[in-house]
Amino acid sequence: MYITVNQAAEKWGISDRRVRILCAEGKIPGTIREGRTWKLPENASKPDDGRFKSAETLLEKIDRKKTELDSKRPLTPGEAERLTEEFAVEYTYNSNAIEGNTLTLRETDMVLRGLTIGQKPLKDHLEIIGHKEAFDFVRDLVAKQTPLSESVIKQIHFLVLADKKDDRGVFRRIPVKITGAKHDPVQPYLIQPKIEELLESYRHSTEHIVPKLARFHIEFEAIHPFIDGNGRTGRLLVNLELMKAGYPPIDIKFKDRLAYYKAFDDYHQKKNPEAMEKLFAGYLNKRLDEYLAILTESANRLHWQIHK
């Protein structure tokens, strides 16, 4: 069931104009626009108004939306499939594009449907397929609530690095440098102890999951345990832990890669993980909005079918 702007304004004690602005800004999940008219879900909550009171922190918003999402679960098989498949294509495209893959979003979708793109390297095709298989594997790990471990990291990397069979799932044995980075990865003999130390620190951290994972991701990439595929593997690890905790996965966009790189530099130069935390939190907040909008739409449709 839906209500009008006037009904929402009366219910929330605000002006019609303010309700229309909130609808236009996308702050009321599940709203529908028909011509010049807005329809709002009957059970929609009044959005927080930062004009009149101190704004909710982003982490508080995430916690509130996570609680709301949990109250609407479980997802139907159709809802889960829709959310996952739409995400997987864009995620695979963006994560590979950040690392230099030349396939476009449309071409990525075509490759995942079994097609070959002419005049594009075989390497790029294998990277797309490998990343999707790694994401599917991560989903299996989530279903089993598998703890994060060195073995899990190597298994994910093995699938990611589909184009380099001799280096798959194996810690690098030579020193490397990251072009343009403000930090040099550790020497090969330090990789395993540093990974063990990182995992131990992660397990015992009591931070909110967003800063906890932001710090883990930066430190993992700083170790740079593999000869190639570290970024893709690291981002998959972040999503493994988010999904295990009941959050939706996030997709760091290719267009935001400069902000992403800068977040690493900020940490290594100033020991400040705030930029990466904000990046993760922003993406997670938007993903929660997407999930809630779809679930609200589904609930409203079911309510309408029952009462029509």
Protein backbone atom coordinates (compact mmCIF):
# COMPACT_ATOMS: atom_id res chain seq x y z
CA MET A 1 0.00 0.00 0.00
CA TYR A 2 1.12 3.53 -0.75
CA ILE A 3 0.31 6.93 0.70
CA THR A 4 0.38 10.39 -0.85
CA VAL A 5 2.81 13.22 -0.15
CA ASN A 6 0.05 15.04 1.76
CA GLN A 7 -0.64 12.00 3.94
CA ALA A 8 3.08 11.54 4.69
CA ALA A 9 3.46 15.23 5.53
CA GLU A 10 0.55 15.05 7.98
CA LYS A 11 1.85 11.79 9.49
CA TRP A 12 5.40 13.15 10.01
CA GLY A 13 4.48 16.72 10.92
CA ILE A 14 6.43 18.36 8.07
CA SER A 15 5.47 20.33 4.95
CA ASP A 16 4.37 18.78 1.64
CA ARG A 17 7.30 20.54 0.00
CA ARG A 18 9.78 18.94 2.40
CA VAL A 19 8.36 15.46 1.68
CA ARG A 20 8.75 16.03 -2.07
CA ILE A 21 12.37 17.12 -1.57
CA LEU A 22 13.10 14.01 0.49
CA CYS A 23 11.55 11.85 -2.26
CA ALA A 24 13.59 13.58 -4.97
CA GLU A 25 16.80 13.13 -2.94
CA GLY A 26 16.14 9.40 -2.65
CA LYS A 27 15.93 9.52 1.14
CA ILE A 28 12.71 7.50 1.37
CA PRO A 29 13.31 3.91 0.16
CA GLY A 30 10.59 2.39 -1.99
CA THR A 31 9.02 5.62 -3.27
CA ILE A 32 7.48 5.58 -6.75
CA ARG A 33 7.09 8.56 -9.09
CA GLU A 34 4.14 8.67 -11.47
CA GLY A 35 4.36 11.78 -13.62
CA ARG A 36 4.64 14.63 -11.13
CA THR A 37 3.18 12.62 -8.26
CA TRP A 38 5.09 10.71 -5.59
CA LYS A 39 3.74 7.60 -3.88
CA LEU A 40 5.36 6.55 -0.61
CA PRO A 41 5.26 3.12 1.09
CA GLU A 42 2.64 3.14 3.84
CA ASN A 43 5.20 1.92 6.38
CA ALA A 44 7.95 4.36 5.31
CA SER A 45 9.85 5.98 8.18
CA LYS A 46 10.48 9.70 8.39
CA PRO A 47 14.10 10.35 7.32
CA ASP A 48 16.42 12.11 9.73
CA ASP A 49 16.56 15.85 9.07
CA GLY A 50 20.12 17.09 9.47
CA ARG A 51 18.97 20.72 9.08
CA PHE A 52 17.56 20.82 12.60
CA LYS A 53 19.65 18.46 14.69
CA SER A 54 23.13 17.03 14.77
CA ALA A 55 23.48 14.50 11.99
CA GLU A 56 23.62 10.82 12.65
CA THR A 57 27.13 9.53 12.04
CA LEU A 58 27.58 7.34 9.00
CA LEU A 59 28.36 4.30 11.16
CA GLU A 60 25.18 4.89 13.18
CA LYS A 61 23.19 5.06 9.94
CA ILE A 62 24.76 1.80 8.83
CA ASP A 63 23.88 0.12 12.13
CA ARG A 64 20.29 1.37 11.97
CA LYS A 65 19.84 0.25 8.38
CA LYS A 66 21.43 -3.12 9.14
CA THR A 67 18.88 -3.62 11.95
CA GLU A 68 16.07 -2.68 9.57
CA LEU A 69 17.43 -5.06 6.94
CA ASP A 70 17.60 -7.90 9.46
CA SER A 71 13.94 -7.31 10.35
CA LYS A 72 12.92 -7.80 6.70
CA ARG A 73 14.80 -11.04 6.19
CA PRO A 74 14.95 -13.74 5.01
CA LEU A 75 15.19 -12.86 1.34
CA THR A 76 13.25 -15.01 -1.09
CA PRO A 77 15.42 -17.05 -3.51
CA GLY A 78 14.37 -14.68 -6.30
CA GLU A 79 15.31 -11.57 -4.33
CA ALA A 80 18.68 -13.04 -3.33
CA GLU A 81 19.45 -14.06 -6.92
CA ARG A 82 18.49 -10.66 -8.31
CA LEU A 83 20.65 -8.80 -5.81
CA THR A 84 23.64 -11.10 -6.26
CA GLU A 85 23.71 -11.41 -10.05
CA GLU A 86 23.31 -7.68 -10.70
CA PHE A 87 26.07 -6.96 -8.22
CA ALA A 88 28.47 -9.68 -9.44
CA VAL A 89 28.82 -8.30 -12.98
CA GLU A 90 29.56 -4.72 -11.91
CA TYR A 91 31.79 -5.86 -9.08
CA THR A 92 33.82 -8.10 -11.39
CA TYR A 93 34.13 -5.27 -13.92
CA ASN A 94 35.19 -2.62 -11.39
CA SER A 95 37.63 -4.75 -9.41
CA ASN A 96 39.41 -5.87 -12.58
CA ALA A 97 39.31 -2.42 -14.18
CA ILE A 98 41.08 -0.93 -11.15
CA GLU A 99 43.93 -3.35 -11.89
CA GLY A 100 44.12 -2.46 -15.60
CA ASN A 101 41.70 -4.87 -17.28
CA THR A 102 40.48 -3.32 -20.56
CA LEU A 103 37.07 -5.00 -20.86
CA THR A 104 34.09 -2.65 -20.49
CA LEU A 105 31.13 -3.36 -18.22
CA ARG A 106 29.09 -4.64 -21.17
CA GLU A 107 31.97 -6.79 -22.38
CA THR A 108 32.41 -8.17 -18.86
CA ASP A 109 28.77 -9.22 -18.85
CA MET A 110 29.21 -10.86 -22.26
CA VAL A 111 32.30 -12.80 -21.14
CA LEU A 112 30.42 -14.07 -18.08
CA ARG A 113 27.71 -15.29 -20.46
CA GLY A 114 30.32 -17.37 -22.31
CA LEU A 115 31.16 -15.04 -25.20
CA THR A 116 34.60 -13.99 -26.45
CA ILE A 117 35.41 -10.36 -27.19
CA GLY A 118 37.41 -9.90 -30.39
CA GLN A 119 40.73 -8.03 -30.25
CA LYS A 120 40.80 -8.15 -26.44
CA PRO A 121 43.59 -10.12 -24.67
CA LEU A 122 42.98 -13.65 -23.44
CA LYS A 123 44.41 -12.47 -20.11
CA ASP A 124 41.53 -10.01 -19.68
CA HIS A 125 38.98 -12.76 -20.35
CA LEU A 126 40.61 -15.10 -17.84
CA GLU A 127 40.68 -12.36 -15.19
CA ILE A 128 36.94 -11.82 -15.57
CA ILE A 129 36.13 -15.52 -15.31
CA GLY A 130 38.56 -16.02 -12.42
CA HIS A 131 37.14 -13.14 -10.40
CA LYS A 132 33.55 -14.34 -10.83
CA GLU A 133 34.54 -17.87 -9.76
CA ALA A 134 36.34 -16.40 -6.74
CA PHE A 135 33.24 -14.38 -5.80
CA ASP A 136 31.07 -17.50 -6.09
CA PHE A 137 33.56 -19.30 -3.84
CA VAL A 138 33.35 -16.45 -1.34
CA ARG A 139 29.56 -16.85 -1.29
CA ASP A 140 30.02 -20.53 -0.44
CA LEU A 141 32.38 -19.58 2.39
CA VAL A 142 29.79 -17.12 3.68
CA ALA A 143 27.10 -19.81 3.71
CA LYS A 144 29.40 -22.00 5.80
CA GLN A 145 30.59 -19.09 7.98
CA THR A 146 34.17 -20.19 7.29
CA PRO A 147 36.70 -18.32 9.48
CA LEU A 148 39.23 -16.11 7.73
CA SER A 149 42.60 -17.88 7.53
CA GLU A 150 45.78 -18.11 5.49
CA SER A 151 44.31 -21.11 3.69
CA VAL A 152 41.15 -19.17 2.74
CA ILE A 153 43.25 -16.26 1.46
CA LYS A 154 45.31 -18.60 -0.74
CA GLN A 155 42.23 -20.40 -2.07
CA ILE A 156 40.58 -17.12 -3.09
CA HIS A 157 43.80 -15.95 -4.73
CA PHE A 158 44.13 -19.26 -6.60
CA LEU A 159 40.79 -18.56 -8.32
CA VAL A 160 41.51 -14.86 -8.91
CA LEU A 161 44.83 -15.42 -10.67
CA ALA A 162 43.42 -17.56 -13.47
CA ASP A 163 45.97 -16.31 -16.02
CA LYS A 164 49.15 -17.20 -14.06
CA LYS A 165 49.00 -20.86 -13.12
CA ASP A 166 52.42 -21.05 -11.46
CA ASP A 167 51.72 -18.14 -9.09
CA ARG A 168 48.17 -19.08 -8.03
CA GLY A 169 47.68 -19.36 -4.27
CA VAL A 170 51.40 -19.04 -3.58
CA PHE A 171 53.06 -16.29 -1.54
CA ARG A 172 55.61 -14.40 -3.62
CA ARG A 173 59.28 -15.35 -3.33
CA ILE A 174 60.83 -12.13 -4.64
CA PRO A 175 60.83 -8.48 -3.42
CA VAL A 176 58.45 -6.12 -5.25
CA LYS A 177 57.66 -2.41 -5.42
CA ILE A 178 54.29 -0.81 -6.12
CA THR A 179 54.64 1.95 -8.70
CA GLY A 180 53.61 5.32 -7.29
CA ALA A 181 52.82 3.96 -3.82
CA LYS A 182 54.08 5.56 -0.61
CA HIS A 183 54.94 2.22 0.91
CA ASP A 184 57.20 -0.71 0.03
CA PRO A 185 55.77 -4.22 0.59
CA VAL A 186 57.53 -6.46 3.09
CA GLN A 187 60.36 -8.78 2.13
CA PRO A 188 59.30 -12.32 1.11
CA TYR A 189 60.56 -13.99 4.30
CA LEU A 190 58.27 -11.71 6.36
CA ILE A 191 55.05 -12.41 4.43
CA GLN A 192 53.81 -15.44 6.35
CA PRO A 193 54.49 -14.07 9.86
CA LYS A 194 52.98 -10.72 8.89
CA ILE A 195 49.83 -12.41 7.53
CA GLU A 196 49.55 -14.44 10.75
CA GLU A 197 49.98 -11.28 12.80
CA LEU A 198 47.35 -9.45 10.72
CA LEU A 199 44.82 -12.28 11.07
CA GLU A 200 45.39 -12.46 14.82
CA SER A 201 44.93 -8.70 15.17
CA TYR A 202 41.76 -8.83 13.06
CA ARG A 203 40.24 -11.68 15.11
CA HIS A 204 40.77 -9.81 18.38
CA SER A 205 39.66 -6.38 17.19
CA THR A 206 36.51 -5.00 18.87
CA GLU A 207 36.12 -2.10 16.42
CA HIS A 208 33.00 -1.56 14.33
CA ILE A 209 33.26 -3.77 11.25
CA VAL A 210 33.83 -0.82 8.88
CA PRO A 211 37.01 0.63 10.46
CA LYS A 212 38.08 -2.90 11.33
CA LEU A 213 37.94 -3.98 7.68
CA ALA A 214 39.39 -0.70 6.40
CA ARG A 215 42.47 -1.22 8.55
CA PHE A 216 42.69 -4.91 7.60
CA HIS A 217 42.48 -4.10 3.90
CA ILE A 218 45.20 -1.45 4.06
CA GLU A 219 47.53 -3.73 6.02
CA PHE A 220 46.87 -6.71 3.72
CA GLU A 221 47.71 -4.66 0.65
CA ALA A 222 50.80 -3.30 2.42
CA ILE A 223 52.08 -6.85 2.94
CA HIS A 224 51.31 -7.51 -0.74
CA PRO A 225 51.67 -11.27 -0.24
CA PHE A 226 51.26 -12.35 -3.86
CA ILE A 227 53.17 -11.53 -7.03
CA ASP A 228 49.89 -10.37 -8.64
CA GLY A 229 46.18 -10.26 -7.78
CA ASN A 230 46.57 -8.67 -4.34
CA GLY A 231 43.99 -5.92 -4.89
CA ARG A 232 41.28 -8.23 -6.23
CA THR A 233 41.96 -10.78 -3.49
CA GLY A 234 41.95 -8.09 -0.80
CA ARG A 235 38.61 -6.66 -1.93
CA LEU A 236 37.10 -10.15 -2.00
CA LEU A 237 38.30 -10.69 1.58
CA VAL A 238 36.54 -7.49 2.63
CA ASN A 239 33.29 -8.74 1.10
CA LEU A 240 33.73 -12.18 2.62
CA GLU A 241 33.80 -10.64 6.08
CA LEU A 242 30.99 -8.15 5.39
CA MET A 243 28.66 -10.86 4.12
CA LYS A 244 29.51 -13.22 6.97
CA ALA A 245 28.43 -10.44 9.33
CA GLY A 246 25.13 -10.02 7.48
CA TYR A 247 25.99 -6.92 5.47
CA PRO A 248 25.72 -6.61 1.69
CA PRO A 249 28.99 -6.70 -0.28
CA ILE A 250 30.48 -3.44 -1.55
CA ASP A 251 31.87 -2.55 -4.95
CA ILE A 252 34.66 0.04 -5.12
CA LYS A 253 34.08 1.75 -8.45
CA PHE A 254 36.72 2.19 -11.12
CA LYS A 255 35.75 5.89 -11.29
CA ASP A 256 36.70 6.23 -7.60
CA ARG A 257 40.11 4.58 -7.97
CA LEU A 258 42.06 7.79 -7.30
CA ALA A 259 40.27 8.28 -3.97
CA TYR A 260 40.92 4.61 -3.22
CA TYR A 261 44.66 4.94 -3.95
CA LYS A 262 44.83 8.14 -1.91
CA ALA A 263 43.28 6.35 1.08
CA PHE A 264 46.27 3.98 1.11
CA ASP A 265 48.71 6.87 0.88
CA ASP A 266 46.96 8.76 3.70
CA TYR A 267 47.44 5.78 5.96
CA HIS A 268 51.09 5.18 5.11
CA GLN A 269 52.02 8.87 5.32
CA LYS A 270 49.88 9.92 8.31
CA LYS A 271 48.89 6.59 9.91
CA ASN A 272 45.31 7.72 9.40
CA PRO A 273 42.81 5.10 8.14
CA GLU A 274 39.92 7.60 8.07
CA ALA A 275 39.87 8.02 4.28
CA MET A 276 39.48 4.28 3.70
CA GLU A 277 36.89 4.04 6.48
CA LYS A 278 34.82 6.80 4.85
CA LEU A 279 35.11 5.15 1.45
CA PHE A 280 33.95 1.78 2.80
CA ALA A 281 31.19 3.35 4.91
CA GLY A 282 29.86 5.38 1.99
CA TYR A 283 29.63 2.35 -0.26
CA LEU A 284 28.08 0.19 2.47
CA ASN A 285 25.49 2.84 3.32
CA LYS A 286 24.38 3.02 -0.33
CA ARG A 287 24.25 -0.77 -0.64
CA LEU A 288 22.02 -1.00 2.43
CA ASP A 289 19.70 1.59 0.85
CA GLU A 290 19.52 -0.52 -2.32
CA TYR A 291 18.67 -3.69 -0.38
CA LEU A 292 16.04 -1.93 1.74
CA ALA A 293 14.41 -0.33 -1.30
CA ILE A 294 14.09 -3.67 -3.06
CA LEU A 295 12.72 -5.41 0.04
CA THR A 296 10.26 -2.59 0.73
CA GLU A 297 9.06 -2.72 -2.87
CA SER A 298 8.64 -6.50 -2.58
CA ALA A 299 6.72 -6.22 0.71
CA ASN A 300 4.42 -3.54 -0.71
CA ARG A 301 3.73 -5.65 -3.79
CA LEU A 302 2.85 -8.66 -1.63
CA HIS A 303 0.59 -6.53 0.59
CA TRP A 304 -1.20 -5.18 -2.46
CA GLN A 305 -1.73 -8.68 -3.90
CA ILE A 306 -3.18 -9.92 -0.62
CA HIS A 307 -5.58 -7.00 -0.17
CA LYS A 308 -6.65 -6.25 -3.72
